[in-house]
Amino acid sequence: MTTPVPTRFSDDELQLIDELVAEGIGESRSAVIRRAVGHLADAVGRARVGAAIADSYRQRPQTTEDDELAMASAIALTEAEPW
């Protein structure tokens, strides 16, 4: 079930939406707008995850020991490949 949401767009915005419909991005204005909201929600979610990762590194910076462990793991994985 969908719920109508009255929204106002400028002429330029409507022209862009109509161009996207014409290009097949969505079958209607509503479909294009729903897809855009989905993309925005995905981008915001990814930005939040990125910020959380960066914050965790600021709170607990990587150490030389971490670097050595990562290198050892990379070497072990590479050597395990059948090449």
PDB file of N, CA and C in Angstrom:
ATOM      1  N   MET A   1       0.841  -1.178   0.000  1.00  0.00           N
ATOM      2  CA  MET A   1       0.000   0.000   0.000  1.00  0.00           C
ATOM      3  C   MET A   1       0.883   1.237   0.000  1.00  0.00           C
ATOM      4  N   THR A   2       0.511   2.231  -0.769  1.00  0.00           N
ATOM      5  CA  THR A   2       1.244   3.489  -0.794  1.00  0.00           C
ATOM      6  C   THR A   2       0.343   4.604  -0.285  1.00  0.00           C
ATOM      7  N   THR A   3       0.983   5.641   0.198  1.00  0.00           N
ATOM      8  CA  THR A   3       0.251   6.801   0.709  1.00  0.00           C
ATOM      9  C   THR A   3       0.657   8.027  -0.095  1.00  0.00           C
ATOM     10  N   PRO A   4      -0.307   8.745  -0.662  1.00  0.00           N
ATOM     11  CA  PRO A   4       0.029   9.951  -1.406  1.00  0.00           C
ATOM     12  C   PRO A   4       0.661  11.003  -0.478  1.00  0.00           C
ATOM     13  N   VAL A   5       1.712  11.656  -0.977  1.00  0.00           N
ATOM     14  CA  VAL A   5       2.366  12.717  -0.223  1.00  0.00           C
ATOM     15  C   VAL A   5       2.416  13.945  -1.127  1.00  0.00           C
ATOM     16  N   PRO A   6       1.577  14.935  -0.842  1.00  0.00           N
ATOM     17  CA  PRO A   6       1.582  16.135  -1.679  1.00  0.00           C
ATOM     18  C   PRO A   6       2.945  16.843  -1.582  1.00  0.00           C
ATOM     19  N   THR A   7       3.551  17.081  -2.728  1.00  0.00           N
ATOM     20  CA  THR A   7       4.869  17.703  -2.773  1.00  0.00           C
ATOM     21  C   THR A   7       4.914  18.688  -3.921  1.00  0.00           C
ATOM     22  N   ARG A   8       5.626  19.760  -3.704  1.00  0.00           N
ATOM     23  CA  ARG A   8       5.766  20.759  -4.767  1.00  0.00           C
ATOM     24  C   ARG A   8       7.180  20.705  -5.330  1.00  0.00           C
ATOM     25  N   PHE A   9       7.271  20.775  -6.662  1.00  0.00           N
ATOM     26  CA  PHE A   9       8.549  20.800  -7.341  1.00  0.00           C
ATOM     27  C   PHE A   9       8.607  22.014  -8.251  1.00  0.00           C
ATOM     28  N   SER A  10       9.818  22.518  -8.430  1.00  0.00           N
ATOM     29  CA  SER A  10       9.995  23.632  -9.363  1.00  0.00           C
ATOM     30  C   SER A  10       9.871  23.096 -10.788  1.00  0.00           C
ATOM     31  N   ASP A  11       9.727  24.007 -11.742  1.00  0.00           N
ATOM     32  CA  ASP A  11       9.646  23.585 -13.141  1.00  0.00           C
ATOM     33  C   ASP A  11      10.913  22.838 -13.555  1.00  0.00           C
ATOM     34  N   ASP A  12      12.070  23.306 -13.101  1.00  0.00           N
ATOM     35  CA  ASP A  12      13.334  22.645 -13.439  1.00  0.00           C
ATOM     36  C   ASP A  12      13.396  21.234 -12.854  1.00  0.00           C
ATOM     37  N   GLU A  13      12.934  21.079 -11.614  1.00  0.00           N
ATOM     38  CA  GLU A  13      12.926  19.755 -10.988  1.00  0.00           C
ATOM     39  C   GLU A  13      11.991  18.808 -11.740  1.00  0.00           C
ATOM     40  N   LEU A  14      10.821  19.305 -12.106  1.00  0.00           N
ATOM     41  CA  LEU A  14       9.881  18.469 -12.864  1.00  0.00           C
ATOM     42  C   LEU A  14      10.446  18.091 -14.225  1.00  0.00           C
ATOM     43  N   GLN A  15      11.146  19.022 -14.853  1.00  0.00           N
ATOM     44  CA  GLN A  15      11.760  18.723 -16.144  1.00  0.00           C
ATOM     45  C   GLN A  15      12.794  17.603 -15.986  1.00  0.00           C
ATOM     46  N   LEU A  16      13.595  17.679 -14.933  1.00  0.00           N
ATOM     47  CA  LEU A  16      14.586  16.643 -14.673  1.00  0.00           C
ATOM     48  C   LEU A  16      13.908  15.289 -14.407  1.00  0.00           C
ATOM     49  N   ILE A  17      12.877  15.299 -13.590  1.00  0.00           N
ATOM     50  CA  ILE A  17      12.143  14.059 -13.298  1.00  0.00           C
ATOM     51  C   ILE A  17      11.564  13.482 -14.584  1.00  0.00           C
ATOM     52  N   ASP A  18      10.979  14.331 -15.414  1.00  0.00           N
ATOM     53  CA  ASP A  18      10.397  13.869 -16.672  1.00  0.00           C
ATOM     54  C   ASP A  18      11.470  13.304 -17.610  1.00  0.00           C
ATOM     55  N   GLU A  19      12.652  13.919 -17.612  1.00  0.00           N
ATOM     56  CA  GLU A  19      13.757  13.397 -18.430  1.00  0.00           C
ATOM     57  C   GLU A  19      14.161  12.001 -17.937  1.00  0.00           C
ATOM     58  N   LEU A  20      14.183  11.825 -16.633  1.00  0.00           N
ATOM     59  CA  LEU A  20      14.528  10.515 -16.082  1.00  0.00           C
ATOM     60  C   LEU A  20      13.479   9.473 -16.435  1.00  0.00           C
ATOM     61  N   VAL A  21      12.226   9.865 -16.434  1.00  0.00           N
ATOM     62  CA  VAL A  21      11.152   8.952 -16.854  1.00  0.00           C
ATOM     63  C   VAL A  21      11.345   8.602 -18.333  1.00  0.00           C
ATOM     64  N   ALA A  22      11.638   9.601 -19.149  1.00  0.00           N
ATOM     65  CA  ALA A  22      11.831   9.372 -20.582  1.00  0.00           C
ATOM     66  C   ALA A  22      13.018   8.445 -20.841  1.00  0.00           C
ATOM     67  N   GLU A  23      14.028   8.499 -19.979  1.00  0.00           N
ATOM     68  CA  GLU A  23      15.213   7.642 -20.123  1.00  0.00           C
ATOM     69  C   GLU A  23      14.974   6.236 -19.566  1.00  0.00           C
ATOM     70  N   GLY A  24      13.812   6.040 -18.965  1.00  0.00           N
ATOM     71  CA  GLY A  24      13.486   4.721 -18.450  1.00  0.00           C
ATOM     72  C   GLY A  24      13.988   4.448 -17.044  1.00  0.00           C
ATOM     73  N   ILE A  25      14.399   5.486 -16.333  1.00  0.00           N
ATOM     74  CA  ILE A  25      14.867   5.318 -14.957  1.00  0.00           C
ATOM     75  C   ILE A  25      13.710   4.880 -14.064  1.00  0.00           C
ATOM     76  N   GLY A  26      12.534   5.324 -14.389  1.00  0.00           N
ATOM     77  CA  GLY A  26      11.311   4.925 -13.691  1.00  0.00           C
ATOM     78  C   GLY A  26      10.166   5.025 -14.666  1.00  0.00           C
ATOM     79  N   GLU A  27       9.111   4.280 -14.404  1.00  0.00           N
ATOM     80  CA  GLU A  27       7.984   4.281 -15.341  1.00  0.00           C
ATOM     81  C   GLU A  27       7.070   5.486 -15.169  1.00  0.00           C
ATOM     82  N   SER A  28       7.275   6.227 -14.071  1.00  0.00           N
ATOM     83  CA  SER A  28       6.449   7.406 -13.803  1.00  0.00           C
ATOM     84  C   SER A  28       7.231   8.365 -12.925  1.00  0.00           C
ATOM     85  N   ARG A  29       6.702   9.550 -12.754  1.00  0.00           N
ATOM     86  CA  ARG A  29       7.331  10.509 -11.845  1.00  0.00           C
ATOM     87  C   ARG A  29       7.449   9.910 -10.446  1.00  0.00           C
ATOM     88  N   SER A  30       6.382   9.280 -10.002  1.00  0.00           N
ATOM     89  CA  SER A  30       6.384   8.690  -8.660  1.00  0.00           C
ATOM     90  C   SER A  30       7.469   7.629  -8.522  1.00  0.00           C
ATOM     91  N   ALA A  31       7.626   6.812  -9.557  1.00  0.00           N
ATOM     92  CA  ALA A  31       8.640   5.759  -9.510  1.00  0.00           C
ATOM     93  C   ALA A  31      10.044   6.358  -9.425  1.00  0.00           C
ATOM     94  N   VAL A  32      10.274   7.426 -10.182  1.00  0.00           N
ATOM     95  CA  VAL A  32      11.583   8.093 -10.146  1.00  0.00           C
ATOM     96  C   VAL A  32      11.830   8.674  -8.756  1.00  0.00           C
ATOM     97  N   ILE A  33      10.827   9.308  -8.184  1.00  0.00           N
ATOM     98  CA  ILE A  33      10.984   9.916  -6.855  1.00  0.00           C
ATOM     99  C   ILE A  33      11.209   8.835  -5.797  1.00  0.00           C
ATOM    100  N   ARG A  34      10.459   7.731  -5.864  1.00  0.00           N
ATOM    101  CA  ARG A  34      10.673   6.639  -4.907  1.00  0.00           C
ATOM    102  C   ARG A  34      12.088   6.077  -5.039  1.00  0.00           C
ATOM    103  N   ARG A  35      12.555   5.928  -6.266  1.00  0.00           N
ATOM    104  CA  ARG A  35      13.912   5.421  -6.481  1.00  0.00           C
ATOM    105  C   ARG A  35      14.941   6.403  -5.912  1.00  0.00           C
ATOM    106  N   ALA A  36      14.709   7.690  -6.113  1.00  0.00           N
ATOM    107  CA  ALA A  36      15.620   8.704  -5.587  1.00  0.00           C
ATOM    108  C   ALA A  36      15.672   8.666  -4.060  1.00  0.00           C
ATOM    109  N   VAL A  37      14.522   8.479  -3.435  1.00  0.00           N
ATOM    110  CA  VAL A  37      14.485   8.377  -1.970  1.00  0.00           C
ATOM    111  C   VAL A  37      15.270   7.153  -1.513  1.00  0.00           C
ATOM    112  N   GLY A  38      15.142   6.050  -2.228  1.00  0.00           N
ATOM    113  CA  GLY A  38      15.900   4.853  -1.898  1.00  0.00           C
ATOM    114  C   GLY A  38      17.404   5.094  -1.999  1.00  0.00           C
ATOM    115  N   HIS A  39      17.821   5.785  -3.066  1.00  0.00           N
ATOM    116  CA  HIS A  39      19.242   6.098  -3.231  1.00  0.00           C
ATOM    117  C   HIS A  39      19.738   7.032  -2.124  1.00  0.00           C
ATOM    118  N   LEU A  40      18.920   8.005  -1.765  1.00  0.00           N
ATOM    119  CA  LEU A  40      19.293   8.927  -0.688  1.00  0.00           C
ATOM    120  C   LEU A  40      19.426   8.184   0.630  1.00  0.00           C
ATOM    121  N   ALA A  41      18.477   7.308   0.930  1.00  0.00           N
ATOM    122  CA  ALA A  41      18.537   6.537   2.171  1.00  0.00           C
ATOM    123  C   ALA A  41      19.786   5.651   2.197  1.00  0.00           C
ATOM    124  N   ASP A  42      20.123   5.051   1.066  1.00  0.00           N
ATOM    125  CA  ASP A  42      21.329   4.218   0.976  1.00  0.00           C
ATOM    126  C   ASP A  42      22.584   5.065   1.203  1.00  0.00           C
ATOM    127  N   ALA A  43      22.642   6.237   0.572  1.00  0.00           N
ATOM    128  CA  ALA A  43      23.809   7.116   0.720  1.00  0.00           C
ATOM    129  C   ALA A  43      23.962   7.584   2.161  1.00  0.00           C
ATOM    130  N   VAL A  44      22.860   7.923   2.807  1.00  0.00           N
ATOM    131  CA  VAL A  44      22.916   8.359   4.206  1.00  0.00           C
ATOM    132  C   VAL A  44      23.372   7.205   5.092  1.00  0.00           C
ATOM    133  N   GLY A  45      22.847   6.024   4.846  1.00  0.00           N
ATOM    134  CA  GLY A  45      23.258   4.853   5.622  1.00  0.00           C
ATOM    135  C   GLY A  45      24.737   4.559   5.466  1.00  0.00           C
ATOM    136  N   ARG A  46      25.241   4.636   4.227  1.00  0.00           N
ATOM    137  CA  ARG A  46      26.662   4.395   3.978  1.00  0.00           C
ATOM    138  C   ARG A  46      27.524   5.462   4.647  1.00  0.00           C
ATOM    139  N   ALA A  47      27.067   6.702   4.606  1.00  0.00           N
ATOM    140  CA  ALA A  47      27.818   7.789   5.257  1.00  0.00           C
ATOM    141  C   ALA A  47      27.875   7.571   6.762  1.00  0.00           C
ATOM    142  N   ARG A  48      26.790   7.104   7.337  1.00  0.00           N
ATOM    143  CA  ARG A  48      26.768   6.830   8.778  1.00  0.00           C
ATOM    144  C   ARG A  48      27.741   5.710   9.144  1.00  0.00           C
ATOM    145  N   VAL A  49      27.756   4.660   8.336  1.00  0.00           N
ATOM    146  CA  VAL A  49      28.687   3.555   8.586  1.00  0.00           C
ATOM    147  C   VAL A  49      30.122   4.050   8.451  1.00  0.00           C
ATOM    148  N   GLY A  50      30.389   4.825   7.417  1.00  0.00           N
ATOM    149  CA  GLY A  50      31.728   5.375   7.227  1.00  0.00           C
ATOM    150  C   GLY A  50      32.155   6.249   8.388  1.00  0.00           C
ATOM    151  N   ALA A  51      31.240   7.075   8.872  1.00  0.00           N
ATOM    152  CA  ALA A  51      31.547   7.941  10.010  1.00  0.00           C
ATOM    153  C   ALA A  51      31.817   7.106  11.256  1.00  0.00           C
ATOM    154  N   ALA A  52      31.051   6.041  11.445  1.00  0.00           N
ATOM    155  CA  ALA A  52      31.256   5.177  12.612  1.00  0.00           C
ATOM    156  C   ALA A  52      32.616   4.486  12.540  1.00  0.00           C
ATOM    157  N   ILE A  53      33.001   4.040  11.346  1.00  0.00           N
ATOM    158  CA  ILE A  53      34.306   3.402  11.183  1.00  0.00           C
ATOM    159  C   ILE A  53      35.421   4.406  11.460  1.00  0.00           C
ATOM    160  N   ALA A  54      35.319   5.588  10.879  1.00  0.00           N
ATOM    161  CA  ALA A  54      36.344   6.618  11.094  1.00  0.00           C
ATOM    162  C   ALA A  54      36.423   6.997  12.568  1.00  0.00           C
ATOM    163  N   ASP A  55      35.271   7.118  13.224  1.00  0.00           N
ATOM    164  CA  ASP A  55      35.248   7.463  14.643  1.00  0.00           C
ATOM    165  C   ASP A  55      35.923   6.384  15.482  1.00  0.00           C
ATOM    166  N   SER A  56      35.692   5.116  15.104  1.00  0.00           N
ATOM    167  CA  SER A  56      36.312   4.027  15.867  1.00  0.00           C
ATOM    168  C   SER A  56      37.834   4.067  15.725  1.00  0.00           C
ATOM    169  N   TYR A  57      38.323   4.444  14.545  1.00  0.00           N
ATOM    170  CA  TYR A  57      39.776   4.561  14.376  1.00  0.00           C
ATOM    171  C   TYR A  57      40.328   5.756  15.151  1.00  0.00           C
ATOM    172  N   ARG A  58      39.532   6.813  15.259  1.00  0.00           N
ATOM    173  CA  ARG A  58      39.981   7.957  16.072  1.00  0.00           C
ATOM    174  C   ARG A  58      40.028   7.589  17.549  1.00  0.00           C
ATOM    175  N   GLN A  59      39.056   6.801  17.998  1.00  0.00           N
ATOM    176  CA  GLN A  59      39.019   6.403  19.404  1.00  0.00           C
ATOM    177  C   GLN A  59      40.095   5.373  19.728  1.00  0.00           C
ATOM    178  N   ARG A  60      40.388   4.507  18.767  1.00  0.00           N
ATOM    179  CA  ARG A  60      41.402   3.472  18.985  1.00  0.00           C
ATOM    180  C   ARG A  60      42.253   3.361  17.730  1.00  0.00           C
ATOM    181  N   PRO A  61      43.257   4.229  17.616  1.00  0.00           N
ATOM    182  CA  PRO A  61      44.086   4.243  16.406  1.00  0.00           C
ATOM    183  C   PRO A  61      44.796   2.918  16.181  1.00  0.00           C
ATOM    184  N   GLN A  62      45.070   2.647  14.927  1.00  0.00           N
ATOM    185  CA  GLN A  62      45.779   1.432  14.560  1.00  0.00           C
ATOM    186  C   GLN A  62      47.218   1.512  15.078  1.00  0.00           C
ATOM    187  N   THR A  63      47.726   0.398  15.567  1.00  0.00           N
ATOM    188  CA  THR A  63      49.073   0.353  16.131  1.00  0.00           C
ATOM    189  C   THR A  63      50.016  -0.391  15.181  1.00  0.00           C
ATOM    190  N   THR A  64      51.293  -0.315  15.485  1.00  0.00           N
ATOM    191  CA  THR A  64      52.287  -1.058  14.716  1.00  0.00           C
ATOM    192  C   THR A  64      52.015  -2.554  14.809  1.00  0.00           C
ATOM    193  N   GLU A  65      51.585  -2.989  15.974  1.00  0.00           N
ATOM    194  CA  GLU A  65      51.240  -4.411  16.151  1.00  0.00           C
ATOM    195  C   GLU A  65      50.098  -4.810  15.219  1.00  0.00           C
ATOM    196  N   ASP A  66      49.108  -3.920  15.075  1.00  0.00           N
ATOM    197  CA  ASP A  66      47.998  -4.189  14.150  1.00  0.00           C
ATOM    198  C   ASP A  66      48.516  -4.316  12.721  1.00  0.00           C
ATOM    199  N   ASP A  67      49.454  -3.435  12.345  1.00  0.00           N
ATOM    200  CA  ASP A  67      50.030  -3.475  10.997  1.00  0.00           C
ATOM    201  C   ASP A  67      50.741  -4.801  10.760  1.00  0.00           C
ATOM    202  N   GLU A  68      51.505  -5.242  11.738  1.00  0.00           N
ATOM    203  CA  GLU A  68      52.241  -6.492  11.606  1.00  0.00           C
ATOM    204  C   GLU A  68      51.290  -7.679  11.475  1.00  0.00           C
ATOM    205  N   LEU A  69      50.221  -7.681  12.261  1.00  0.00           N
ATOM    206  CA  LEU A  69      49.237  -8.756  12.190  1.00  0.00           C
ATOM    207  C   LEU A  69      48.539  -8.760  10.831  1.00  0.00           C
ATOM    208  N   ALA A  70      48.205  -7.586  10.333  1.00  0.00           N
ATOM    209  CA  ALA A  70      47.546  -7.488   9.030  1.00  0.00           C
ATOM    210  C   ALA A  70      48.473  -7.988   7.929  1.00  0.00           C
ATOM    211  N   MET A  71      49.739  -7.621   7.994  1.00  0.00           N
ATOM    212  CA  MET A  71      50.692  -8.078   6.983  1.00  0.00           C
ATOM    213  C   MET A  71      50.863  -9.594   7.049  1.00  0.00           C
ATOM    214  N   ALA A  72      50.961 -10.144   8.253  1.00  0.00           N
ATOM    215  CA  ALA A  72      51.093 -11.593   8.404  1.00  0.00           C
ATOM    216  C   ALA A  72      49.866 -12.302   7.830  1.00  0.00           C
ATOM    217  N   SER A  73      48.692 -11.759   8.065  1.00  0.00           N
ATOM    218  CA  SER A  73      47.461 -12.355   7.532  1.00  0.00           C
ATOM    219  C   SER A  73      47.448 -12.281   6.010  1.00  0.00           C
ATOM    220  N   ALA A  74      47.873 -11.153   5.463  1.00  0.00           N
ATOM    221  CA  ALA A  74      47.904 -10.998   4.005  1.00  0.00           C
ATOM    222  C   ALA A  74      48.871 -11.987   3.372  1.00  0.00           C
ATOM    223  N   ILE A  75      50.032 -12.151   3.993  1.00  0.00           N
ATOM    224  CA  ILE A  75      51.015 -13.103   3.469  1.00  0.00           C
ATOM    225  C   ILE A  75      50.464 -14.522   3.535  1.00  0.00           C
ATOM    226  N   ALA A  76      49.847 -14.879   4.648  1.00  0.00           N
ATOM    227  CA  ALA A  76      49.281 -16.225   4.799  1.00  0.00           C
ATOM    228  C   ALA A  76      48.195 -16.480   3.763  1.00  0.00           C
ATOM    229  N   LEU A  77      47.337 -15.508   3.528  1.00  0.00           N
ATOM    230  CA  LEU A  77      46.278 -15.675   2.526  1.00  0.00           C
ATOM    231  C   LEU A  77      46.869 -15.822   1.130  1.00  0.00           C
ATOM    232  N   THR A  78      47.891 -15.029   0.834  1.00  0.00           N
ATOM    233  CA  THR A  78      48.525 -15.092  -0.488  1.00  0.00           C
ATOM    234  C   THR A  78      49.202 -16.444  -0.684  1.00  0.00           C
ATOM    235  N   GLU A  79      49.892 -16.911   0.333  1.00  0.00           N
ATOM    236  CA  GLU A  79      50.583 -18.190   0.217  1.00  0.00           C
ATOM    237  C   GLU A  79      49.607 -19.359   0.125  1.00  0.00           C
ATOM    238  N   ALA A  80      48.409 -19.206   0.658  1.00  0.00           N
ATOM    239  CA  ALA A  80      47.403 -20.279   0.612  1.00  0.00           C
ATOM    240  C   ALA A  80      46.749 -20.398  -0.773  1.00  0.00           C
ATOM    241  N   GLU A  81      46.910 -19.384  -1.621  1.00  0.00           N
ATOM    242  CA  GLU A  81      46.326 -19.432  -2.965  1.00  0.00           C
ATOM    243  C   GLU A  81      47.079 -20.438  -3.832  1.00  0.00           C
ATOM    244  N   PRO A  82      46.348 -21.155  -4.723  1.00  0.00           N
ATOM    245  CA  PRO A  82      47.001 -22.156  -5.567  1.00  0.00           C
ATOM    246  C   PRO A  82      47.778 -21.554  -6.731  1.00  0.00           C
ATOM    247  N   TRP A  83      47.619 -20.309  -7.030  1.00  0.00           N
ATOM    248  CA  TRP A  83      48.242 -19.598  -8.144  1.00  0.00           C
ATOM    249  C   TRP A  83      48.617 -20.553  -9.200  1.00  0.00           C
TER     250      TRP A  83
END
